[in-house]
Amino acid sequence: NTLDDYEEGTWTPSVGGTATYYGQTGTYTKIGNVVYIRGNMHINAIGTGSATTISGFPFIATGGDAINLSYFGELNSSVYWLNLYSESGGASILNRGQTDLDATASSGLSLYKNGSQIVFSGVIKV
């Protein structure tokens, strides 16, 4: 057997717009049609950035792959639970969560704001 589709690299997770950051790092390892990703994004000021979506992933995902959320630190957080998943046919990472124990789970919660830090890793099919 030979491995003819292997790639390692970096990427910059972002919420776009005019957001500024304390730090943004991302790495990936692509083996065939599977990409192992890691990211750390600490927002200083959200500005016109997205409060729901992390962009900058360097591949188009087939979609729906769960991404482990290692840490979500956010000032005045009212989040009961939160997870991340890849966008179908896109290069973004979306969130799904619940803000109260009795609330309905929702996609695209407006969570990212000044001071948010999101640390994540996962496996995405491309």
Protein backbone atom coordinates (compact mmCIF):
# COMPACT_ATOMS: atom_id res chain seq x y z
CA ASN A 1 0.00 0.00 0.00
CA THR A 2 1.16 3.52 -0.75
CA LEU A 3 0.03 6.79 0.75
CA ASP A 4 -0.18 9.32 -2.07
CA ASP A 5 -2.48 11.94 -0.51
CA TYR A 6 -0.94 13.28 2.69
CA GLU A 7 -0.65 16.93 3.66
CA GLU A 8 0.07 18.91 6.83
CA GLY A 9 -0.47 22.61 7.23
CA THR A 10 -1.77 25.56 9.15
CA TRP A 11 -4.91 27.65 8.84
CA THR A 12 -6.29 30.71 10.58
CA PRO A 13 -9.69 30.32 12.26
CA SER A 14 -11.66 33.55 12.07
CA VAL A 15 -15.10 35.07 12.62
CA GLY A 16 -14.41 37.49 9.76
CA GLY A 17 -15.44 41.11 9.53
CA THR A 18 -13.47 43.60 11.59
CA ALA A 19 -12.83 41.24 14.51
CA THR A 20 -9.50 41.50 16.30
CA TYR A 21 -7.86 38.67 18.21
CA TYR A 22 -5.55 37.94 21.09
CA GLY A 23 -4.53 34.89 19.06
CA GLN A 24 -5.65 32.56 16.26
CA THR A 25 -4.01 29.24 15.43
CA GLY A 26 -5.06 26.24 13.42
CA THR A 27 -3.36 23.10 12.16
CA TYR A 28 -4.50 20.22 9.98
CA THR A 29 -3.35 16.85 8.72
CA LYS A 30 -5.07 15.58 5.57
CA ILE A 31 -4.90 11.88 4.74
CA GLY A 32 -6.94 11.00 1.67
CA ASN A 33 -10.42 12.49 2.13
CA VAL A 34 -10.12 12.83 5.92
CA VAL A 35 -8.79 15.96 7.64
CA TYR A 36 -7.77 16.10 11.29
CA ILE A 37 -8.08 19.69 12.50
CA ARG A 38 -7.18 21.69 15.60
CA GLY A 39 -7.96 25.32 16.28
CA ASN A 40 -7.71 27.97 18.96
CA MET A 41 -9.30 31.37 18.55
CA HIS A 42 -9.37 34.05 21.24
CA ILE A 43 -11.41 37.09 20.19
CA ASN A 44 -10.40 40.50 21.49
CA ALA A 45 -13.18 42.57 19.87
CA ILE A 46 -15.85 40.99 17.66
CA GLY A 47 -16.59 44.15 15.63
CA THR A 48 -18.57 43.12 12.54
CA GLY A 49 -17.43 39.49 12.80
CA SER A 50 -19.86 36.57 12.89
CA ALA A 51 -21.25 35.60 16.29
CA THR A 52 -22.16 32.13 14.96
CA THR A 53 -19.57 30.84 12.47
CA ILE A 54 -15.85 30.07 12.38
CA SER A 55 -14.42 30.44 8.89
CA GLY A 56 -11.07 29.95 7.22
CA PHE A 57 -11.03 26.13 7.05
CA PRO A 58 -8.86 25.33 4.00
CA PHE A 59 -11.05 22.55 2.54
CA ILE A 60 -14.66 22.07 1.46
CA ALA A 61 -16.30 19.61 3.86
CA THR A 62 -18.90 17.03 2.87
CA GLY A 63 -20.69 18.22 6.00
CA GLY A 64 -22.21 17.29 9.27
CA ASP A 65 -19.05 16.04 10.97
CA ALA A 66 -18.99 16.69 14.71
CA ILE A 67 -16.03 18.66 16.03
CA ASN A 68 -14.93 18.35 19.64
CA LEU A 69 -15.10 21.55 21.60
CA SER A 70 -12.23 21.39 24.07
CA TYR A 71 -12.85 24.76 25.69
CA PHE A 72 -15.32 27.60 25.32
CA GLY A 73 -14.55 30.56 27.52
CA GLU A 74 -16.81 33.55 27.14
CA LEU A 75 -17.70 36.47 29.33
CA ASN A 76 -21.28 36.44 30.70
CA SER A 77 -21.97 33.06 29.13
CA SER A 78 -25.46 31.60 29.43
CA VAL A 79 -24.70 28.44 27.44
CA TYR A 80 -25.95 25.14 28.84
CA TRP A 81 -24.20 23.01 26.17
CA LEU A 82 -22.46 23.66 22.87
CA ASN A 83 -20.90 21.66 20.05
CA LEU A 84 -19.44 22.41 16.65
CA TYR A 85 -19.95 20.78 13.25
CA SER A 86 -18.69 21.20 9.70
CA GLU A 87 -20.81 23.01 7.14
CA SER A 88 -22.10 20.79 4.35
CA GLY A 89 -20.46 21.84 1.08
CA GLY A 90 -18.61 24.71 2.74
CA ALA A 91 -15.46 25.71 4.54
CA SER A 92 -17.03 26.93 7.79
CA ILE A 93 -17.56 25.49 11.25
CA LEU A 94 -20.99 26.11 12.75
CA ASN A 95 -22.26 25.80 16.31
CA ARG A 96 -25.28 24.11 17.84
CA GLY A 97 -26.26 24.47 21.44
CA GLN A 98 -28.72 25.28 24.13
CA THR A 99 -28.79 28.37 26.32
CA ASP A 100 -31.01 26.95 29.06
CA LEU A 101 -31.80 23.46 30.33
CA ASP A 102 -35.45 23.82 29.26
CA ALA A 103 -34.70 25.59 25.95
CA THR A 104 -34.79 24.06 22.48
CA ALA A 105 -31.43 23.17 20.93
CA SER A 106 -30.59 25.61 18.15
CA SER A 107 -28.07 25.92 15.36
CA GLY A 108 -26.30 29.18 14.83
CA LEU A 109 -26.44 30.54 18.36
CA SER A 110 -25.01 34.06 18.60
CA LEU A 111 -22.29 33.18 21.09
CA TYR A 112 -18.99 34.62 19.93
CA LYS A 113 -18.31 38.07 21.32
CA ASN A 114 -15.60 40.20 22.90
CA GLY A 115 -13.42 37.97 25.07
CA SER A 116 -14.61 34.60 23.68
CA GLN A 117 -12.05 31.83 23.42
CA ILE A 118 -12.83 28.68 21.45
CA VAL A 119 -10.49 25.65 21.42
CA PHE A 120 -11.52 22.72 19.22
CA SER A 121 -10.35 19.62 17.35
CA GLY A 122 -11.99 17.09 15.12
CA VAL A 123 -12.08 14.92 12.04
CA ILE A 124 -13.77 16.22 8.90
CA LYS A 125 -14.45 14.37 5.67
CA VAL A 126 -13.71 16.33 2.51
